[in-house]
PDB file of N, CA and C in Angstrom:
ATOM      1  N   MET A   1      -6.654 -10.148 -11.553  1.00  0.00           N
ATOM      2  CA  MET A   1      -5.780  -8.972 -11.072  1.00  0.00           C
ATOM      3  C   MET A   1      -6.371  -8.785  -9.427  1.00  0.00           C
ATOM      4  N   ILE A   2      -5.246  -8.743  -8.935  1.00  0.00           N
ATOM      5  CA  ILE A   2      -6.639  -8.336  -7.306  1.00  0.00           C
ATOM      6  C   ILE A   2      -5.318  -7.292  -6.674  1.00  0.00           C
ATOM      7  N   VAL A   3      -5.632  -5.784  -6.560  1.00  0.00           N
ATOM      8  CA  VAL A   3      -5.078  -5.403  -5.827  1.00  0.00           C
ATOM      9  C   VAL A   3      -4.902  -5.271  -3.912  1.00  0.00           C
ATOM     10  N   GLY A   4      -4.239  -4.910  -2.788  1.00  0.00           N
ATOM     11  CA  GLY A   4      -4.789  -4.470  -1.937  1.00  0.00           C
ATOM     12  C   GLY A   4      -3.774  -3.201  -1.484  1.00  0.00           C
ATOM     13  N   ALA A   5      -4.589  -2.370  -0.809  1.00  0.00           N
ATOM     14  CA  ALA A   5      -3.880  -1.637   0.577  1.00  0.00           C
ATOM     15  C   ALA A   5      -5.051  -1.732   2.074  1.00  0.00           C
ATOM     16  N   ALA A   6      -3.170  -1.099   2.288  1.00  0.00           N
ATOM     17  CA  ALA A   6      -3.145  -1.223   3.845  1.00  0.00           C
ATOM     18  C   ALA A   6      -3.097  -0.036   4.488  1.00  0.00           C
ATOM     19  N   ALA A   7      -3.778   0.750   5.474  1.00  0.00           N
ATOM     20  CA  ALA A   7      -3.292   2.185   5.661  1.00  0.00           C
ATOM     21  C   ALA A   7      -3.626   1.776   7.478  1.00  0.00           C
ATOM     22  N   VAL A   8      -2.205   1.885   7.860  1.00  0.00           N
ATOM     23  CA  VAL A   8      -1.318   1.644   8.785  1.00  0.00           C
ATOM     24  C   VAL A   8      -1.412   2.415  10.083  1.00  0.00           C
ATOM     25  N   GLU A   9      -2.246   3.037  10.992  1.00  0.00           N
ATOM     26  CA  GLU A   9      -2.099   4.222  11.673  1.00  0.00           C
ATOM     27  C   GLU A   9      -1.242   3.879  13.043  1.00  0.00           C
ATOM     28  N   LEU A  10       0.379   5.120  12.675  1.00  0.00           N
ATOM     29  CA  LEU A  10       1.735   4.068  13.969  1.00  0.00           C
ATOM     30  C   LEU A  10       1.400   6.077  15.216  1.00  0.00           C
ATOM     31  N   LEU A  11       2.054   5.509  16.374  1.00  0.00           N
ATOM     32  CA  LEU A  11       2.312   6.223  17.402  1.00  0.00           C
ATOM     33  C   LEU A  11       3.623   5.905  17.313  1.00  0.00           C
ATOM     34  N   ILE A  12       4.804   7.323  17.515  1.00  0.00           N
ATOM     35  CA  ILE A  12       6.635   7.074  17.554  1.00  0.00           C
ATOM     36  C   ILE A  12       6.486   7.607  19.342  1.00  0.00           C
ATOM     37  N   HIS A  13       6.478   7.197  20.252  1.00  0.00           N
ATOM     38  CA  HIS A  13       6.812   7.253  21.269  1.00  0.00           C
ATOM     39  C   HIS A  13       8.784   7.841  21.370  1.00  0.00           C
ATOM     40  N   GLY A  14       8.420   8.750  22.265  1.00  0.00           N
ATOM     41  CA  GLY A  14       9.586   9.565  21.981  1.00  0.00           C
ATOM     42  C   GLY A  14      10.032  10.557  21.383  1.00  0.00           C
ATOM     43  N   SER A  15       9.545  10.410  19.934  1.00  0.00           N
ATOM     44  CA  SER A  15       9.933  11.473  19.118  1.00  0.00           C
ATOM     45  C   SER A  15       9.361  12.528  19.439  1.00  0.00           C
ATOM     46  N   GLN A  16      10.679  14.098  19.424  1.00  0.00           N
ATOM     47  CA  GLN A  16      10.548  15.082  19.978  1.00  0.00           C
ATOM     48  C   GLN A  16      10.745  16.518  18.294  1.00  0.00           C
ATOM     49  N   SER A  17      11.068  15.374  17.085  1.00  0.00           N
ATOM     50  CA  SER A  17      10.765  16.403  16.188  1.00  0.00           C
ATOM     51  C   SER A  17      10.328  15.921  15.462  1.00  0.00           C
ATOM     52  N   LEU A  18      10.012  16.656  13.930  1.00  0.00           N
ATOM     53  CA  LEU A  18       9.671  15.737  13.034  1.00  0.00           C
ATOM     54  C   LEU A  18      10.917  15.431  11.862  1.00  0.00           C
ATOM     55  N   LYS A  19      12.135  15.746  12.528  1.00  0.00           N
ATOM     56  CA  LYS A  19      13.050  14.460  12.346  1.00  0.00           C
ATOM     57  C   LYS A  19      13.619  13.358  12.425  1.00  0.00           C
ATOM     58  N   ALA A  20      12.987  13.374  14.189  1.00  0.00           N
ATOM     59  CA  ALA A  20      13.021  11.978  14.603  1.00  0.00           C
ATOM     60  C   ALA A  20      12.510  11.245  13.778  1.00  0.00           C
ATOM     61  N   LYS A  21      10.534  11.980  13.591  1.00  0.00           N
ATOM     62  CA  LYS A  21      10.089  11.029  13.481  1.00  0.00           C
ATOM     63  C   LYS A  21      10.330  10.385  12.533  1.00  0.00           C
ATOM     64  N   ARG A  22      10.739  11.151  11.302  1.00  0.00           N
ATOM     65  CA  ARG A  22      10.878  10.984  10.081  1.00  0.00           C
ATOM     66  C   ARG A  22      12.358   9.864   9.613  1.00  0.00           C
ATOM     67  N   GLY A  23      13.034   9.609  10.549  1.00  0.00           N
ATOM     68  CA  GLY A  23      13.847   8.737  10.663  1.00  0.00           C
ATOM     69  C   GLY A  23      12.905   7.348  11.190  1.00  0.00           C
ATOM     70  N   VAL A  24      12.760   7.027  12.001  1.00  0.00           N
ATOM     71  CA  VAL A  24      11.832   5.594  12.134  1.00  0.00           C
ATOM     72  C   VAL A  24      10.701   5.543  11.393  1.00  0.00           C
ATOM     73  N   VAL A  25      10.375   6.481  10.363  1.00  0.00           N
ATOM     74  CA  VAL A  25       9.050   6.347   9.456  1.00  0.00           C
ATOM     75  C   VAL A  25      10.363   5.544   8.063  1.00  0.00           C
ATOM     76  N   ARG A  26      10.816   5.893   8.305  1.00  0.00           N
ATOM     77  CA  ARG A  26      11.750   5.685   6.956  1.00  0.00           C
ATOM     78  C   ARG A  26      12.538   4.567   6.865  1.00  0.00           C
ATOM     79  N   SER A  27      12.662   3.720   8.357  1.00  0.00           N
ATOM     80  CA  SER A  27      13.308   2.746   9.353  1.00  0.00           C
ATOM     81  C   SER A  27      12.591   1.939   8.406  1.00  0.00           C
ATOM     82  N   ILE A  28      11.336   1.828   8.877  1.00  0.00           N
ATOM     83  CA  ILE A  28      10.196   0.995   8.575  1.00  0.00           C
ATOM     84  C   ILE A  28       9.678   0.788   7.274  1.00  0.00           C
ATOM     85  N   SER A  29       9.515   2.366   6.653  1.00  0.00           N
ATOM     86  CA  SER A  29       9.516   1.241   5.459  1.00  0.00           C
ATOM     87  C   SER A  29      10.059   0.818   4.606  1.00  0.00           C
ATOM     88  N   GLN A  30      11.433   1.221   5.029  1.00  0.00           N
ATOM     89  CA  GLN A  30      12.449   0.418   3.634  1.00  0.00           C
ATOM     90  C   GLN A  30      11.852  -0.789   4.105  1.00  0.00           C
ATOM     91  N   ARG A  31      12.211  -1.324   5.421  1.00  0.00           N
ATOM     92  CA  ARG A  31      12.418  -2.761   6.493  1.00  0.00           C
ATOM     93  C   ARG A  31      11.068  -3.512   5.943  1.00  0.00           C
ATOM     94  N   VAL A  32       9.858  -2.572   5.622  1.00  0.00           N
ATOM     95  CA  VAL A  32       9.258  -3.527   4.932  1.00  0.00           C
ATOM     96  C   VAL A  32       9.165  -3.699   3.770  1.00  0.00           C
ATOM     97  N   ARG A  33       9.578  -2.939   2.827  1.00  0.00           N
ATOM     98  CA  ARG A  33       9.533  -2.568   1.467  1.00  0.00           C
ATOM     99  C   ARG A  33      10.709  -3.943   1.084  1.00  0.00           C
ATOM    100  N   ASN A  34      11.883  -3.976   1.733  1.00  0.00           N
ATOM    101  CA  ASN A  34      12.507  -5.138   1.372  1.00  0.00           C
ATOM    102  C   ASN A  34      12.388  -6.374   1.521  1.00  0.00           C
ATOM    103  N   ARG A  35      11.541  -6.373   2.622  1.00  0.00           N
ATOM    104  CA  ARG A  35      10.849  -7.595   3.534  1.00  0.00           C
ATOM    105  C   ARG A  35       9.961  -8.516   2.796  1.00  0.00           C
ATOM    106  N   PHE A  36       8.838  -7.774   2.400  1.00  0.00           N
ATOM    107  CA  PHE A  36       7.472  -8.080   1.810  1.00  0.00           C
ATOM    108  C   PHE A  36       7.372  -7.710   0.137  1.00  0.00           C
ATOM    109  N   ASN A  37       8.124  -6.596  -0.349  1.00  0.00           N
ATOM    110  CA  ASN A  37       7.824  -6.687  -1.842  1.00  0.00           C
ATOM    111  C   ASN A  37       7.014  -5.660  -2.559  1.00  0.00           C
ATOM    112  N   VAL A  38       7.079  -4.776  -1.430  1.00  0.00           N
ATOM    113  CA  VAL A  38       5.425  -4.041  -1.030  1.00  0.00           C
ATOM    114  C   VAL A  38       5.759  -2.766  -1.386  1.00  0.00           C
ATOM    115  N   SER A  39       4.546  -2.027  -1.597  1.00  0.00           N
ATOM    116  CA  SER A  39       5.423  -0.454  -1.930  1.00  0.00           C
ATOM    117  C   SER A  39       4.806   0.325  -0.451  1.00  0.00           C
ATOM    118  N   VAL A  40       5.428   1.266  -0.310  1.00  0.00           N
ATOM    119  CA  VAL A  40       4.872   2.142   1.209  1.00  0.00           C
ATOM    120  C   VAL A  40       5.485   3.562   1.192  1.00  0.00           C
ATOM    121  N   ALA A  41       3.970   4.091   1.722  1.00  0.00           N
ATOM    122  CA  ALA A  41       3.963   5.655   1.624  1.00  0.00           C
ATOM    123  C   ALA A  41       3.895   6.489   2.817  1.00  0.00           C
ATOM    124  N   GLU A  42       4.021   7.636   3.293  1.00  0.00           N
ATOM    125  CA  GLU A  42       3.898   8.283   4.716  1.00  0.00           C
ATOM    126  C   GLU A  42       2.005   8.642   3.482  1.00  0.00           C
ATOM    127  N   VAL A  43       1.354   7.916   4.255  1.00  0.00           N
ATOM    128  CA  VAL A  43       0.468   9.429   3.699  1.00  0.00           C
ATOM    129  C   VAL A  43      -1.003   9.859   4.196  1.00  0.00           C
ATOM    130  N   GLY A  44      -0.216   9.994   5.656  1.00  0.00           N
ATOM    131  CA  GLY A  44      -0.629  10.582   6.377  1.00  0.00           C
ATOM    132  C   GLY A  44      -0.420  11.401   7.750  1.00  0.00           C
ATOM    133  N   GLY A  45      -0.165  12.072   8.483  1.00  0.00           N
ATOM    134  CA  GLY A  45       0.099  12.599   9.914  1.00  0.00           C
ATOM    135  C   GLY A  45       2.017  12.974   9.181  1.00  0.00           C
ATOM    136  N   GLN A  46       1.907  14.358   8.660  1.00  0.00           N
ATOM    137  CA  GLN A  46       3.308  14.316   7.986  1.00  0.00           C
ATOM    138  C   GLN A  46       3.709  15.891   8.968  1.00  0.00           C
ATOM    139  N   GLY A  47       2.565  16.553   9.383  1.00  0.00           N
ATOM    140  CA  GLY A  47       3.036  17.179  10.375  1.00  0.00           C
ATOM    141  C   GLY A  47       2.927  17.433  12.115  1.00  0.00           C
ATOM    142  N   THR A  48       3.204  16.176  12.471  1.00  0.00           N
ATOM    143  CA  THR A  48       2.559  15.464  13.888  1.00  0.00           C
ATOM    144  C   THR A  48       4.047  15.138  14.401  1.00  0.00           C
ATOM    145  N   TRP A  49       4.536  14.868  15.092  1.00  0.00           N
ATOM    146  CA  TRP A  49       5.998  14.375  15.655  1.00  0.00           C
ATOM    147  C   TRP A  49       5.607  12.941  16.001  1.00  0.00           C
ATOM    148  N   GLN A  50       4.563  12.710  16.045  1.00  0.00           N
ATOM    149  CA  GLN A  50       4.696  11.330  17.155  1.00  0.00           C
ATOM    150  C   GLN A  50       3.129  10.742  16.305  1.00  0.00           C
ATOM    151  N   ARG A  51       2.944  11.227  15.493  1.00  0.00           N
ATOM    152  CA  ARG A  51       1.766   9.974  14.228  1.00  0.00           C
ATOM    153  C   ARG A  51       2.280  10.123  13.305  1.00  0.00           C
ATOM    154  N   ALA A  52       2.153   8.772  12.557  1.00  0.00           N
ATOM    155  CA  ALA A  52       1.575   8.325  11.265  1.00  0.00           C
ATOM    156  C   ALA A  52       1.146   7.636  10.651  1.00  0.00           C
ATOM    157  N   VAL A  53       0.386   7.875   9.377  1.00  0.00           N
ATOM    158  CA  VAL A  53      -0.325   7.038   8.543  1.00  0.00           C
ATOM    159  C   VAL A  53       0.585   6.551   6.977  1.00  0.00           C
ATOM    160  N   LEU A  54       0.931   5.283   7.194  1.00  0.00           N
ATOM    161  CA  LEU A  54       1.358   4.555   6.383  1.00  0.00           C
ATOM    162  C   LEU A  54       0.769   3.447   5.013  1.00  0.00           C
ATOM    163  N   GLY A  55       0.558   4.266   4.459  1.00  0.00           N
ATOM    164  CA  GLY A  55       0.311   3.602   2.808  1.00  0.00           C
ATOM    165  C   GLY A  55       1.154   2.504   2.356  1.00  0.00           C
ATOM    166  N   ILE A  56       0.222   0.995   2.616  1.00  0.00           N
ATOM    167  CA  ILE A  56       1.416  -0.101   1.644  1.00  0.00           C
ATOM    168  C   ILE A  56       0.459  -0.969   0.750  1.00  0.00           C
ATOM    169  N   SER A  57       0.433  -0.725  -0.376  1.00  0.00           N
ATOM    170  CA  SER A  57       0.019  -1.650  -1.262  1.00  0.00           C
ATOM    171  C   SER A  57       0.558  -3.288  -1.709  1.00  0.00           C
ATOM    172  N   ALA A  58       0.407  -4.392  -2.340  1.00  0.00           N
ATOM    173  CA  ALA A  58       0.581  -5.162  -2.828  1.00  0.00           C
ATOM    174  C   ALA A  58      -0.468  -5.519  -4.278  1.00  0.00           C
ATOM    175  N   ALA A  59       0.146  -6.323  -5.606  1.00  0.00           N
ATOM    176  CA  ALA A  59      -0.492  -6.801  -6.044  1.00  0.00           C
ATOM    177  C   ALA A  59      -0.375  -8.258  -6.626  1.00  0.00           C
ATOM    178  N   GLY A  60      -1.437  -9.002  -6.471  1.00  0.00           N
ATOM    179  CA  GLY A  60      -1.068 -10.447  -6.859  1.00  0.00           C
ATOM    180  C   GLY A  60      -2.480 -11.091  -8.155  1.00  0.00           C
ATOM    181  N   ALA A  61      -2.288 -12.460  -8.272  1.00  0.00           N
ATOM    182  CA  ALA A  61      -3.343 -13.284  -9.306  1.00  0.00           C
ATOM    183  C   ALA A  61      -4.774 -13.786  -7.444  1.00  0.00           C
ATOM    184  N   GLU A  62      -3.931 -13.744  -6.019  1.00  0.00           N
ATOM    185  CA  GLU A  62      -4.568 -14.361  -5.724  1.00  0.00           C
ATOM    186  C   GLU A  62      -5.023 -13.495  -4.411  1.00  0.00           C
ATOM    187  N   ALA A  63      -6.564 -13.141  -3.830  1.00  0.00           N
ATOM    188  CA  ALA A  63      -7.141 -11.936  -2.635  1.00  0.00           C
ATOM    189  C   ALA A  63      -6.912 -13.101  -1.276  1.00  0.00           C
ATOM    190  N   VAL A  64      -6.567 -14.086  -1.259  1.00  0.00           N
ATOM    191  CA  VAL A  64      -5.744 -14.242  -0.064  1.00  0.00           C
ATOM    192  C   VAL A  64      -4.319 -14.705  -0.219  1.00  0.00           C
ATOM    193  N   LEU A  65      -3.320 -14.216  -1.045  1.00  0.00           N
ATOM    194  CA  LEU A  65      -2.416 -14.004  -1.135  1.00  0.00           C
ATOM    195  C   LEU A  65      -1.850 -12.440  -0.418  1.00  0.00           C
ATOM    196  N   VAL A  66      -2.514 -11.967  -1.346  1.00  0.00           N
ATOM    197  CA  VAL A  66      -1.976 -10.152  -1.460  1.00  0.00           C
ATOM    198  C   VAL A  66      -3.227 -10.196  -0.015  1.00  0.00           C
ATOM    199  N   ARG A  67      -3.664 -10.881   0.408  1.00  0.00           N
ATOM    200  CA  ARG A  67      -3.964  -9.734   2.235  1.00  0.00           C
ATOM    201  C   ARG A  67      -3.155 -10.617   3.238  1.00  0.00           C
ATOM    202  N   ARG A  68      -2.574 -11.376   2.633  1.00  0.00           N
ATOM    203  CA  ARG A  68      -1.241 -12.290   3.558  1.00  0.00           C
ATOM    204  C   ARG A  68      -0.232 -11.646   3.631  1.00  0.00           C
ATOM    205  N   VAL A  69      -0.003 -10.582   2.597  1.00  0.00           N
ATOM    206  CA  VAL A  69       0.821 -10.267   2.689  1.00  0.00           C
ATOM    207  C   VAL A  69       1.147  -9.009   3.621  1.00  0.00           C
ATOM    208  N   LEU A  70       0.110  -8.267   3.032  1.00  0.00           N
ATOM    209  CA  LEU A  70      -0.244  -7.149   3.965  1.00  0.00           C
ATOM    210  C   LEU A  70      -0.437  -6.938   5.648  1.00  0.00           C
ATOM    211  N   GLU A  71      -0.796  -8.017   6.313  1.00  0.00           N
ATOM    212  CA  GLU A  71      -1.137  -8.805   7.285  1.00  0.00           C
ATOM    213  C   GLU A  71       0.183  -9.398   7.881  1.00  0.00           C
ATOM    214  N   ARG A  72       0.895  -9.257   7.232  1.00  0.00           N
ATOM    215  CA  ARG A  72       2.118 -10.431   7.599  1.00  0.00           C
ATOM    216  C   ARG A  72       3.101  -8.735   7.891  1.00  0.00           C
ATOM    217  N   SER A  73       3.077  -7.995   6.434  1.00  0.00           N
ATOM    218  CA  SER A  73       3.683  -6.373   6.813  1.00  0.00           C
ATOM    219  C   SER A  73       3.301  -6.050   7.872  1.00  0.00           C
ATOM    220  N   VAL A  74       1.985  -5.553   8.598  1.00  0.00           N
ATOM    221  CA  VAL A  74       1.194  -5.062   9.710  1.00  0.00           C
ATOM    222  C   VAL A  74       2.238  -5.791  11.209  1.00  0.00           C
ATOM    223  N   GLU A  75       2.222  -6.944  10.724  1.00  0.00           N
ATOM    224  CA  GLU A  75       2.895  -7.774  12.021  1.00  0.00           C
ATOM    225  C   GLU A  75       4.454  -7.195  11.942  1.00  0.00           C
ATOM    226  N   PHE A  76       4.976  -7.297  11.379  1.00  0.00           N
ATOM    227  CA  PHE A  76       6.602  -7.449  10.856  1.00  0.00           C
ATOM    228  C   PHE A  76       6.714  -6.035  11.786  1.00  0.00           C
ATOM    229  N   ILE A  77       5.547  -4.731  11.215  1.00  0.00           N
ATOM    230  CA  ILE A  77       5.928  -3.357  11.608  1.00  0.00           C
ATOM    231  C   ILE A  77       5.615  -3.381  13.650  1.00  0.00           C
ATOM    232  N   GLU A  78       4.762  -4.212  13.690  1.00  0.00           N
ATOM    233  CA  GLU A  78       4.453  -4.543  15.298  1.00  0.00           C
ATOM    234  C   GLU A  78       5.782  -4.624  15.832  1.00  0.00           C
ATOM    235  N   ASP A  79       5.884  -5.821  15.424  1.00  0.00           N
ATOM    236  CA  ASP A  79       7.542  -7.059  15.514  1.00  0.00           C
ATOM    237  C   ASP A  79       8.592  -6.002  15.944  1.00  0.00           C
ATOM    238  N   LEU A  80       8.976  -4.870  15.150  1.00  0.00           N
ATOM    239  CA  LEU A  80       9.221  -4.227  15.059  1.00  0.00           C
ATOM    240  C   LEU A  80      10.036  -3.324  16.197  1.00  0.00           C
ATOM    241  N   HIS A  81       9.028  -2.981  17.110  1.00  0.00           N
ATOM    242  CA  HIS A  81       9.438  -1.799  18.500  1.00  0.00           C
ATOM    243  C   HIS A  81       9.510  -1.025  18.067  1.00  0.00           C
ATOM    244  N   LEU A  82      10.108  -0.207  16.711  1.00  0.00           N
ATOM    245  CA  LEU A  82       9.657   1.295  16.302  1.00  0.00           C
ATOM    246  C   LEU A  82       8.816   2.553  17.100  1.00  0.00           C
ATOM    247  N   ALA A  83       7.518   1.425  16.700  1.00  0.00           N
ATOM    248  CA  ALA A  83       6.356   2.214  16.503  1.00  0.00           C
ATOM    249  C   ALA A  83       5.265   1.205  17.126  1.00  0.00           C
ATOM    250  N   GLU A  84       4.053   1.716  18.013  1.00  0.00           N
ATOM    251  CA  GLU A  84       3.356   1.195  17.760  1.00  0.00           C
ATOM    252  C   GLU A  84       1.941   1.453  16.924  1.00  0.00           C
ATOM    253  N   VAL A  85       1.172   0.113  16.771  1.00  0.00           N
ATOM    254  CA  VAL A  85       0.718   0.013  15.421  1.00  0.00           C
ATOM    255  C   VAL A  85      -0.634   0.405  16.358  1.00  0.00           C
ATOM    256  N   LEU A  86      -0.997   2.016  15.655  1.00  0.00           N
ATOM    257  CA  LEU A  86      -2.907   1.900  16.419  1.00  0.00           C
ATOM    258  C   LEU A  86      -4.247   1.678  15.897  1.00  0.00           C
ATOM    259  N   SER A  87      -3.839   1.119  14.153  1.00  0.00           N
ATOM    260  CA  SER A  87      -5.034   0.820  13.935  1.00  0.00           C
ATOM    261  C   SER A  87      -4.462   0.225  12.198  1.00  0.00           C
ATOM    262  N   ALA A  88      -5.030  -0.846  12.069  1.00  0.00           N
ATOM    263  CA  ALA A  88      -4.788  -1.053  10.781  1.00  0.00           C
ATOM    264  C   ALA A  88      -5.940  -1.372  10.006  1.00  0.00           C
ATOM    265  N   ASP A  89      -6.619  -0.982   8.509  1.00  0.00           N
ATOM    266  CA  ASP A  89      -7.487  -1.034   7.816  1.00  0.00           C
ATOM    267  C   ASP A  89      -7.150  -1.891   6.176  1.00  0.00           C
ATOM    268  N   PHE A  90      -7.600  -2.729   5.825  1.00  0.00           N
ATOM    269  CA  PHE A  90      -7.202  -3.689   5.049  1.00  0.00           C
ATOM    270  C   PHE A  90      -8.543  -2.977   3.536  1.00  0.00           C
ATOM    271  N   GLU A  91      -8.281  -2.977   1.964  1.00  0.00           N
ATOM    272  CA  GLU A  91      -9.050  -3.277   0.964  1.00  0.00           C
ATOM    273  C   GLU A  91      -8.710  -4.199  -0.146  1.00  0.00           C
ATOM    274  N   ILE A  92      -9.373  -4.722  -0.680  1.00  0.00           N
ATOM    275  CA  ILE A  92      -8.661  -6.269  -1.535  1.00  0.00           C
ATOM    276  C   ILE A  92      -9.643  -5.370  -2.325  1.00  0.00           C
ATOM    277  N   ILE A  93      -9.148  -4.997  -3.999  1.00  0.00           N
ATOM    278  CA  ILE A  93     -10.160  -5.292  -5.213  1.00  0.00           C
ATOM    279  C   ILE A  93      -9.581  -5.950  -6.342  1.00  0.00           C
ATOM    280  N   ALA A  94     -10.689  -6.520  -6.741  1.00  0.00           N
ATOM    281  CA  ALA A  94     -10.256  -7.612  -8.038  1.00  0.00           C
ATOM    282  C   ALA A  94     -10.611  -6.296  -9.119  1.00  0.00           C
ATOM    283  N   LEU A  95      -9.888  -6.217  -9.674  1.00  0.00           N
ATOM    284  CA  LEU A  95      -9.910  -5.478 -11.415  1.00  0.00           C
ATOM    285  C   LEU A  95     -10.267  -6.369 -12.229  1.00  0.00           C
ATOM    286  N   PRO A  96     -10.583  -6.069 -12.968  1.00  0.00           N
ATOM    287  CA  PRO A  96     -11.103  -7.034 -14.290  1.00  0.00           C
ATOM    288  C   PRO A  96      -9.236  -6.931 -15.046  1.00  0.00           C
ATOM    289  N   TYR A  97      -9.119  -7.909 -15.081  1.00  0.00           N
ATOM    290  CA  TYR A  97      -7.757  -8.559 -15.967  1.00  0.00           C
ATOM    291  C   TYR A  97      -7.424  -9.813 -16.191  1.00  0.00           C
ATOM    292  N   GLU A  98      -7.746  -9.833 -17.335  1.00  0.00           N
ATOM    293  CA  GLU A  98      -6.893 -11.090 -17.674  1.00  0.00           C
ATOM    294  C   GLU A  98      -5.535 -11.158 -18.408  1.00  0.00           C
ATOM    295  N   ALA A  99      -4.812 -12.364 -18.229  1.00  0.00           N
ATOM    296  CA  ALA A  99      -3.320 -12.001 -18.553  1.00  0.00           C
ATOM    297  C   ALA A  99      -3.408 -11.785 -20.250  1.00  0.00           C
ATOM    298  N   GLY A 100      -2.587 -11.260 -21.252  1.00  0.00           N
ATOM    299  CA  GLY A 100      -3.039 -11.382 -22.309  1.00  0.00           C
ATOM    300  C   GLY A 100      -3.724 -10.473 -22.848  1.00  0.00           C
ATOM    301  N   GLU A 101      -4.890  -9.995 -22.251  1.00  0.00           N
ATOM    302  CA  GLU A 101      -6.169  -9.113 -22.466  1.00  0.00           C
ATOM    303  C   GLU A 101      -5.662  -7.971 -22.700  1.00  0.00           C
ATOM    304  N   PRO A 102      -5.636  -6.711 -22.903  1.00  0.00           N
ATOM    305  CA  PRO A 102      -5.661  -5.226 -22.841  1.00  0.00           C
ATOM    306  C   PRO A 102      -7.318  -5.240 -22.327  1.00  0.00           C
ATOM    307  N   ALA A 103      -7.246  -3.839 -21.169  1.00  0.00           N
ATOM    308  CA  ALA A 103      -8.407  -3.745 -20.323  1.00  0.00           C
ATOM    309  C   ALA A 103      -9.729  -3.608 -21.373  1.00  0.00           C
ATOM    310  N   TRP A 104      -9.809  -3.014 -22.326  1.00  0.00           N
ATOM    311  CA  TRP A 104     -10.838  -2.336 -23.667  1.00  0.00           C
ATOM    312  C   TRP A 104     -11.182  -3.922 -24.010  1.00  0.00           C
ATOM    313  N   ALA A 105     -10.413  -4.411 -23.741  1.00  0.00           N
ATOM    314  CA  ALA A 105     -11.217  -5.905 -24.460  1.00  0.00           C
ATOM    315  C   ALA A 105     -12.266  -6.961 -23.847  1.00  0.00           C
ATOM    316  N   LEU A 106     -12.409  -6.147 -22.480  1.00  0.00           N
ATOM    317  CA  LEU A 106     -12.783  -6.862 -21.789  1.00  0.00           C
ATOM    318  C   LEU A 106     -14.527  -6.445 -21.061  1.00  0.00           C
ATOM    319  N   GLY A 107     -14.468  -5.580 -22.267  1.00  0.00           N
ATOM    320  CA  GLY A 107     -15.950  -5.186 -22.297  1.00  0.00           C
ATOM    321  C   GLY A 107     -16.103  -3.087 -22.243  1.00  0.00           C
ATOM    322  N   ASP A 108     -15.572  -3.156 -21.441  1.00  0.00           N
ATOM    323  CA  ASP A 108     -15.589  -1.176 -21.200  1.00  0.00           C
ATOM    324  C   ASP A 108     -14.780  -0.526 -22.595  1.00  0.00           C
ATOM    325  N   GLU A 109     -16.097  -0.483 -23.032  1.00  0.00           N
ATOM    326  CA  GLU A 109     -15.990   0.763 -24.360  1.00  0.00           C
ATOM    327  C   GLU A 109     -15.262   1.282 -24.449  1.00  0.00           C
ATOM    328  N   ASP A 110     -15.680   2.311 -23.331  1.00  0.00           N
ATOM    329  CA  ASP A 110     -14.609   4.004 -23.176  1.00  0.00           C
ATOM    330  C   ASP A 110     -13.239   3.415 -23.087  1.00  0.00           C
ATOM    331  N   GLU A 111     -12.276   2.986 -23.048  1.00  0.00           N
ATOM    332  CA  GLU A 111     -11.215   2.516 -23.047  1.00  0.00           C
ATOM    333  C   GLU A 111     -10.801   2.000 -24.426  1.00  0.00           C
ATOM    334  N   ALA A 112     -11.634   1.705 -25.247  1.00  0.00           N
ATOM    335  CA  ALA A 112     -11.097   1.138 -26.442  1.00  0.00           C
ATOM    336  C   ALA A 112     -10.294   1.949 -27.667  1.00  0.00           C
ATOM    337  N   PRO A 113      -9.299   1.643 -28.083  1.00  0.00           N
ATOM    338  CA  PRO A 113      -8.546   2.867 -29.214  1.00  0.00           C
ATOM    339  C   PRO A 113      -8.976   2.925 -29.860  1.00  0.00           C
ATOM    340  N   THR A 114      -9.230   4.862 -30.504  1.00  0.00           N
ATOM    341  CA  THR A 114      -9.419   4.588 -32.093  1.00  0.00           C
ATOM    342  C   THR A 114      -8.364   5.275 -32.550  1.00  0.00           C
ATOM    343  N   ASP A 115      -9.050   5.575 -33.415  1.00  0.00           N
ATOM    344  CA  ASP A 115      -8.058   5.760 -34.678  1.00  0.00           C
ATOM    345  C   ASP A 115      -8.634   7.311 -34.924  1.00  0.00           C
ATOM    346  N   GLU A 116      -7.841   8.210 -35.719  1.00  0.00           N
ATOM    347  CA  GLU A 116      -7.842   9.939 -35.511  1.00  0.00           C
ATOM    348  C   GLU A 116      -8.705  10.490 -36.137  1.00  0.00           C
ATOM    349  N   GLU A 117      -9.908   9.771 -37.105  1.00  0.00           N
ATOM    350  CA  GLU A 117     -11.006  10.084 -36.761  1.00  0.00           C
ATOM    351  C   GLU A 117     -11.935   9.905 -35.757  1.00  0.00           C
ATOM    352  N   GLY A 118     -11.683   9.540 -34.659  1.00  0.00           N
ATOM    353  CA  GLY A 118     -12.122   9.106 -33.556  1.00  0.00           C
ATOM    354  C   GLY A 118     -13.279   8.216 -33.221  1.00  0.00           C
ATOM    355  N   GLU A 119     -13.227   6.809 -35.267  1.00  0.00           N
ATOM    356  CA  GLU A 119     -13.867   5.658 -34.345  1.00  0.00           C
ATOM    357  C   GLU A 119     -13.187   4.328 -34.303  1.00  0.00           C
ATOM    358  N   ALA A 120     -13.928   4.008 -33.646  1.00  0.00           N
ATOM    359  CA  ALA A 120     -13.331   2.822 -33.028  1.00  0.00           C
ATOM    360  C   ALA A 120     -12.899   1.317 -33.978  1.00  0.00           C
TER     361      ALA A 120
END
């Protein structure tokens, strides 16, 4: 299983209040969610009028596809022209998971289930 995350720093020109900024951030977040089926949250800049950091995450079976979804999400935000993208950082993580196998069966004994006496 591949998990990808992007941190996207935005500058919202013309915003004169937190309420105006929240409206822009909410609009961008909802459009990105609907278009790319990713998770989006404001993860930074909550107290500022013109800056925001959005966290975007996606999961999939192939790293190339997950990264492509995140990159296209950032390009889409730029194309909306609601805010300027100042920076975008990406992180792709491969988790040891195979379909049908619980995580503890892949060799991590710390995750193995135990009975009431504490034995594996």
